[in-house]
PDB file of N, CA and C in Angstrom:
ATOM      1  N   UNK A   1      51.614  13.896  68.556  1.00  0.00           N
ATOM      2  CA  UNK A   1      53.009  13.837  68.900  1.00  0.00           C
ATOM      3  C   UNK A   1      53.183  12.884  70.080  1.00  0.00           C
ATOM      4  N   UNK A   2      54.175  12.040  69.988  1.00  0.00           N
ATOM      5  CA  UNK A   2      54.508  11.116  71.071  1.00  0.00           C
ATOM      6  C   UNK A   2      55.733  11.654  71.795  1.00  0.00           C
ATOM      7  N   UNK A   3      55.890  11.218  73.035  1.00  0.00           N
ATOM      8  CA  UNK A   3      57.094  11.614  73.757  1.00  0.00           C
ATOM      9  C   UNK A   3      57.558  10.508  74.693  1.00  0.00           C
ATOM     10  N   UNK A   4      58.820  10.592  75.061  1.00  0.00           N
ATOM     11  CA  UNK A   4      59.418   9.624  75.981  1.00  0.00           C
ATOM     12  C   UNK A   4      59.808  10.309  77.292  1.00  0.00           C
ATOM     13  N   UNK A   5      59.110  11.354  77.614  1.00  0.00           N
ATOM     14  CA  UNK A   5      59.444  12.145  78.786  1.00  0.00           C
ATOM     15  C   UNK A   5      59.448  11.306  80.070  1.00  0.00           C
ATOM     16  N   UNK A   6      58.458  10.461  80.236  1.00  0.00           N
ATOM     17  CA  UNK A   6      58.374   9.626  81.440  1.00  0.00           C
ATOM     18  C   UNK A   6      59.575   8.693  81.548  1.00  0.00           C
ATOM     19  N   UNK A   7      59.962   8.118  80.431  1.00  0.00           N
ATOM     20  CA  UNK A   7      61.123   7.216  80.400  1.00  0.00           C
ATOM     21  C   UNK A   7      62.396   7.988  80.736  1.00  0.00           C
ATOM     22  N   UNK A   8      62.559   9.145  80.111  1.00  0.00           N
ATOM     23  CA  UNK A   8      63.750   9.964  80.368  1.00  0.00           C
ATOM     24  C   UNK A   8      63.814  10.405  81.833  1.00  0.00           C
ATOM     25  N   UNK A   9      62.665  10.714  82.400  1.00  0.00           N
ATOM     26  CA  UNK A   9      62.598  11.090  83.813  1.00  0.00           C
ATOM     27  C   UNK A   9      63.044   9.936  84.698  1.00  0.00           C
ATOM     28  N   UNK A  10      62.593   8.739  84.365  1.00  0.00           N
ATOM     29  CA  UNK A  10      62.959   7.548  85.140  1.00  0.00           C
ATOM     30  C   UNK A  10      64.459   7.276  85.067  1.00  0.00           C
ATOM     31  N   UNK A  11      65.029   7.480  83.891  1.00  0.00           N
ATOM     32  CA  UNK A  11      66.472   7.274  83.728  1.00  0.00           C
ATOM     33  C   UNK A  11      67.262   8.174  84.673  1.00  0.00           C
ATOM     34  N   UNK A  12      66.811   9.417  84.822  1.00  0.00           N
ATOM     35  CA  UNK A  12      67.483  10.362  85.724  1.00  0.00           C
ATOM     36  C   UNK A  12      66.952  10.293  87.156  1.00  0.00           C
ATOM     37  N   UNK A  13      65.997   9.387  87.408  1.00  0.00           N
ATOM     38  CA  UNK A  13      65.384   9.221  88.720  1.00  0.00           C
ATOM     39  C   UNK A  13      64.791  10.533  89.234  1.00  0.00           C
ATOM     40  N   UNK A  14      64.037  11.208  88.357  1.00  0.00           N
ATOM     41  CA  UNK A  14      63.369  12.455  88.705  1.00  0.00           C
ATOM     42  C   UNK A  14      61.872  12.220  88.858  1.00  0.00           C
ATOM     43  N   UNK A  15      61.278  12.844  89.841  1.00  0.00           N
ATOM     44  CA  UNK A  15      59.822  12.820  89.948  1.00  0.00           C
ATOM     45  C   UNK A  15      59.268  13.905  89.025  1.00  0.00           C
ATOM     46  N   UNK A  16      57.974  13.871  88.795  1.00  0.00           N
ATOM     47  CA  UNK A  16      57.354  14.936  88.011  1.00  0.00           C
ATOM     48  C   UNK A  16      57.591  16.276  88.696  1.00  0.00           C
ATOM     49  N   UNK A  17      57.510  16.299  90.011  1.00  0.00           N
ATOM     50  CA  UNK A  17      57.722  17.534  90.760  1.00  0.00           C
ATOM     51  C   UNK A  17      59.162  18.031  90.623  1.00  0.00           C
ATOM     52  N   UNK A  18      60.135  17.117  90.693  1.00  0.00           N
ATOM     53  CA  UNK A  18      61.544  17.494  90.522  1.00  0.00           C
ATOM     54  C   UNK A  18      61.767  18.151  89.159  1.00  0.00           C
ATOM     55  N   UNK A  19      61.235  17.522  88.124  1.00  0.00           N
ATOM     56  CA  UNK A  19      61.403  18.041  86.773  1.00  0.00           C
ATOM     57  C   UNK A  19      60.695  19.383  86.619  1.00  0.00           C
ATOM     58  N   UNK A  20      59.502  19.475  87.159  1.00  0.00           N
ATOM     59  CA  UNK A  20      58.738  20.722  87.079  1.00  0.00           C
ATOM     60  C   UNK A  20      59.513  21.873  87.711  1.00  0.00           C
ATOM     61  N   UNK A  21      60.063  21.649  88.875  1.00  0.00           N
ATOM     62  CA  UNK A  21      60.849  22.688  89.555  1.00  0.00           C
ATOM     63  C   UNK A  21      62.091  23.055  88.756  1.00  0.00           C
ATOM     64  N   UNK A  22      62.725  22.068  88.132  1.00  0.00           N
ATOM     65  CA  UNK A  22      63.944  22.314  87.367  1.00  0.00           C
ATOM     66  C   UNK A  22      63.713  23.213  86.155  1.00  0.00           C
ATOM     67  N   UNK A  23      62.506  23.152  85.583  1.00  0.00           N
ATOM     68  CA  UNK A  23      62.247  23.955  84.379  1.00  0.00           C
ATOM     69  C   UNK A  23      61.227  25.066  84.604  1.00  0.00           C
ATOM     70  N   UNK A  24      60.737  25.193  85.838  1.00  0.00           N
ATOM     71  CA  UNK A  24      59.875  26.318  86.178  1.00  0.00           C
ATOM     72  C   UNK A  24      58.423  26.203  85.753  1.00  0.00           C
ATOM     73  N   UNK A  25      57.870  24.992  85.832  1.00  0.00           N
ATOM     74  CA  UNK A  25      56.448  24.780  85.533  1.00  0.00           C
ATOM     75  C   UNK A  25      55.824  23.991  86.680  1.00  0.00           C
ATOM     76  N   UNK A  26      54.527  23.738  86.592  1.00  0.00           N
ATOM     77  CA  UNK A  26      53.849  22.944  87.623  1.00  0.00           C
ATOM     78  C   UNK A  26      53.997  21.445  87.330  1.00  0.00           C
ATOM     79  N   UNK A  27      53.796  20.655  88.369  1.00  0.00           N
ATOM     80  CA  UNK A  27      53.820  19.206  88.198  1.00  0.00           C
ATOM     81  C   UNK A  27      52.720  18.773  87.236  1.00  0.00           C
ATOM     82  N   UNK A  28      51.588  19.478  87.290  1.00  0.00           N
ATOM     83  CA  UNK A  28      50.474  19.156  86.403  1.00  0.00           C
ATOM     84  C   UNK A  28      50.854  19.350  84.935  1.00  0.00           C
ATOM     85  N   UNK A  29      51.698  20.341  84.660  1.00  0.00           N
ATOM     86  CA  UNK A  29      52.160  20.558  83.285  1.00  0.00           C
ATOM     87  C   UNK A  29      52.970  19.362  82.805  1.00  0.00           C
ATOM     88  N   UNK A  30      53.858  18.874  83.646  1.00  0.00           N
ATOM     89  CA  UNK A  30      54.666  17.698  83.285  1.00  0.00           C
ATOM     90  C   UNK A  30      53.751  16.506  83.051  1.00  0.00           C
ATOM     91  N   UNK A  31      52.780  16.319  83.927  1.00  0.00           N
ATOM     92  CA  UNK A  31      51.832  15.222  83.772  1.00  0.00           C
ATOM     93  C   UNK A  31      51.073  15.338  82.452  1.00  0.00           C
ATOM     94  N   UNK A  32      50.625  16.527  82.122  1.00  0.00           N
ATOM     95  CA  UNK A  32      49.877  16.737  80.876  1.00  0.00           C
ATOM     96  C   UNK A  32      50.738  16.480  79.648  1.00  0.00           C
ATOM     97  N   UNK A  33      52.003  16.866  79.703  1.00  0.00           N
ATOM     98  CA  UNK A  33      52.908  16.588  78.575  1.00  0.00           C
ATOM     99  C   UNK A  33      53.083  15.080  78.424  1.00  0.00           C
ATOM    100  N   UNK A  34      53.337  14.398  79.528  1.00  0.00           N
ATOM    101  CA  UNK A  34      53.551  12.945  79.479  1.00  0.00           C
ATOM    102  C   UNK A  34      52.335  12.204  78.936  1.00  0.00           C
ATOM    103  N   UNK A  35      51.147  12.712  79.214  1.00  0.00           N
ATOM    104  CA  UNK A  35      49.922  12.057  78.751  1.00  0.00           C
ATOM    105  C   UNK A  35      49.445  12.592  77.402  1.00  0.00           C
ATOM    106  N   UNK A  36      50.297  13.374  76.751  1.00  0.00           N
ATOM    107  CA  UNK A  36      50.013  13.938  75.425  1.00  0.00           C
ATOM    108  C   UNK A  36      48.758  14.812  75.399  1.00  0.00           C
ATOM    109  N   UNK A  37      48.465  15.468  76.509  1.00  0.00           N
ATOM    110  CA  UNK A  37      47.342  16.397  76.558  1.00  0.00           C
ATOM    111  C   UNK A  37      47.796  17.833  76.329  1.00  0.00           C
ATOM    112  N   UNK A  38      49.106  18.045  76.380  1.00  0.00           N
ATOM    113  CA  UNK A  38      49.657  19.393  76.246  1.00  0.00           C
ATOM    114  C   UNK A  38      50.924  19.321  75.412  1.00  0.00           C
ATOM    115  N   UNK A  39      51.014  20.178  74.402  1.00  0.00           N
ATOM    116  CA  UNK A  39      52.213  20.263  73.568  1.00  0.00           C
ATOM    117  C   UNK A  39      53.037  21.441  74.082  1.00  0.00           C
ATOM    118  N   UNK A  40      54.240  21.163  74.558  1.00  0.00           N
ATOM    119  CA  UNK A  40      55.043  22.236  75.142  1.00  0.00           C
ATOM    120  C   UNK A  40      55.521  23.243  74.100  1.00  0.00           C
ATOM    121  N   UNK A  41      55.759  24.458  74.570  1.00  0.00           N
ATOM    122  CA  UNK A  41      56.300  25.506  73.704  1.00  0.00           C
ATOM    123  C   UNK A  41      57.743  25.171  73.330  1.00  0.00           C
ATOM    124  N   UNK A  42      58.268  25.910  72.398  1.00  0.00           N
ATOM    125  CA  UNK A  42      59.663  25.737  71.999  1.00  0.00           C
ATOM    126  C   UNK A  42      60.587  25.984  73.182  1.00  0.00           C
ATOM    127  N   UNK A  43      60.320  27.043  73.930  1.00  0.00           N
ATOM    128  CA  UNK A  43      61.158  27.375  75.089  1.00  0.00           C
ATOM    129  C   UNK A  43      61.133  26.240  76.110  1.00  0.00           C
ATOM    130  N   UNK A  44      59.954  25.736  76.407  1.00  0.00           N
ATOM    131  CA  UNK A  44      59.831  24.644  77.364  1.00  0.00           C
ATOM    132  C   UNK A  44      60.527  23.381  76.853  1.00  0.00           C
ATOM    133  N   UNK A  45      60.397  23.091  75.576  1.00  0.00           N
ATOM    134  CA  UNK A  45      61.065  21.933  74.981  1.00  0.00           C
ATOM    135  C   UNK A  45      62.581  22.060  75.092  1.00  0.00           C
ATOM    136  N   UNK A  46      63.088  23.260  74.874  1.00  0.00           N
ATOM    137  CA  UNK A  46      64.535  23.481  74.983  1.00  0.00           C
ATOM    138  C   UNK A  46      65.007  23.354  76.429  1.00  0.00           C
ATOM    139  N   UNK A  47      64.195  23.774  77.373  1.00  0.00           N
ATOM    140  CA  UNK A  47      64.543  23.600  78.789  1.00  0.00           C
ATOM    141  C   UNK A  47      64.598  22.112  79.136  1.00  0.00           C
ATOM    142  N   UNK A  48      63.647  21.340  78.630  1.00  0.00           N
ATOM    143  CA  UNK A  48      63.658  19.892  78.851  1.00  0.00           C
ATOM    144  C   UNK A  48      64.905  19.267  78.234  1.00  0.00           C
ATOM    145  N   UNK A  49      65.241  19.703  77.039  1.00  0.00           N
ATOM    146  CA  UNK A  49      66.431  19.212  76.357  1.00  0.00           C
ATOM    147  C   UNK A  49      67.686  19.466  77.190  1.00  0.00           C
ATOM    148  N   UNK A  50      67.734  20.616  77.805  1.00  0.00           N
ATOM    149  CA  UNK A  50      68.889  20.973  78.633  1.00  0.00           C
ATOM    150  C   UNK A  50      68.973  20.080  79.868  1.00  0.00           C
ATOM    151  N   UNK A  51      67.845  19.827  80.515  1.00  0.00           N
ATOM    152  CA  UNK A  51      67.827  18.967  81.702  1.00  0.00           C
ATOM    153  C   UNK A  51      68.275  17.552  81.345  1.00  0.00           C
ATOM    154  N   UNK A  52      67.729  17.015  80.248  1.00  0.00           N
ATOM    155  CA  UNK A  52      68.027  15.637  79.865  1.00  0.00           C
ATOM    156  C   UNK A  52      69.330  15.488  79.081  1.00  0.00           C
ATOM    157  N   UNK A  53      69.871  16.618  78.622  1.00  0.00           N
ATOM    158  CA  UNK A  53      71.118  16.622  77.841  1.00  0.00           C
ATOM    159  C   UNK A  53      70.990  15.775  76.571  1.00  0.00           C
ATOM    160  N   UNK A  54      69.804  15.878  75.952  1.00  0.00           N
ATOM    161  CA  UNK A  54      69.574  15.223  74.669  1.00  0.00           C
ATOM    162  C   UNK A  54      68.794  16.182  73.771  1.00  0.00           C
ATOM    163  N   UNK A  55      68.913  16.013  72.445  1.00  0.00           N
ATOM    164  CA  UNK A  55      68.155  16.878  71.530  1.00  0.00           C
ATOM    165  C   UNK A  55      66.645  16.685  71.691  1.00  0.00           C
ATOM    166  N   UNK A  56      65.915  17.739  71.443  1.00  0.00           N
ATOM    167  CA  UNK A  56      64.458  17.714  71.561  1.00  0.00           C
ATOM    168  C   UNK A  56      63.845  16.565  70.769  1.00  0.00           C
ATOM    169  N   UNK A  57      64.336  16.339  69.564  1.00  0.00           N
ATOM    170  CA  UNK A  57      63.735  15.297  68.719  1.00  0.00           C
ATOM    171  C   UNK A  57      64.026  13.875  69.205  1.00  0.00           C
ATOM    172  N   UNK A  58      64.783  13.727  70.268  1.00  0.00           N
ATOM    173  CA  UNK A  58      64.984  12.392  70.831  1.00  0.00           C
ATOM    174  C   UNK A  58      63.924  12.026  71.859  1.00  0.00           C
ATOM    175  N   UNK A  59      63.160  13.021  72.347  1.00  0.00           N
ATOM    176  CA  UNK A  59      62.059  12.662  73.242  1.00  0.00           C
ATOM    177  C   UNK A  59      60.697  13.119  72.760  1.00  0.00           C
ATOM    178  N   UNK A  60      60.654  13.901  71.682  1.00  0.00           N
ATOM    179  CA  UNK A  60      59.384  14.242  71.030  1.00  0.00           C
ATOM    180  C   UNK A  60      59.458  13.779  69.581  1.00  0.00           C
ATOM    181  N   UNK A  61      58.443  13.021  69.145  1.00  0.00           N
ATOM    182  CA  UNK A  61      58.397  12.576  67.751  1.00  0.00           C
ATOM    183  C   UNK A  61      56.991  12.791  67.196  1.00  0.00           C
ATOM    184  N   UNK A  62      56.945  13.121  65.922  1.00  0.00           N
ATOM    185  CA  UNK A  62      55.665  13.317  65.264  1.00  0.00           C
ATOM    186  C   UNK A  62      55.047  11.972  64.906  1.00  0.00           C
ATOM    187  N   UNK A  63      53.722  11.914  64.968  1.00  0.00           N
ATOM    188  CA  UNK A  63      52.998  10.728  64.538  1.00  0.00           C
ATOM    189  C   UNK A  63      52.449  10.998  63.132  1.00  0.00           C
ATOM    190  N   UNK A  64      51.997   9.963  62.477  1.00  0.00           N
ATOM    191  CA  UNK A  64      51.455  10.113  61.106  1.00  0.00           C
ATOM    192  C   UNK A  64      50.305  11.099  61.049  1.00  0.00           C
ATOM    193  N   UNK A  65      49.523  11.191  62.117  1.00  0.00           N
ATOM    194  CA  UNK A  65      48.353  12.056  62.122  1.00  0.00           C
ATOM    195  C   UNK A  65      48.676  13.525  62.433  1.00  0.00           C
ATOM    196  N   UNK A  66      49.928  13.812  62.787  1.00  0.00           N
ATOM    197  CA  UNK A  66      50.330  15.190  63.125  1.00  0.00           C
ATOM    198  C   UNK A  66      50.574  16.015  61.871  1.00  0.00           C
TER     199      UNK A  66
END
């Protein structure tokens, strides 16, 4: 799965720490999601969607190998 989380964060001028605090996770979790080492839960994805005010499928996309 690919994501545009880093790009979306930059658009809102949020640091990883800012975003982590906004959704109740650690900065390391945000870093792991951005580097595709961690696939967020549905709840976490919906929290991200709420922060960015965009649908989940606009920042997470499946790859052919998924």
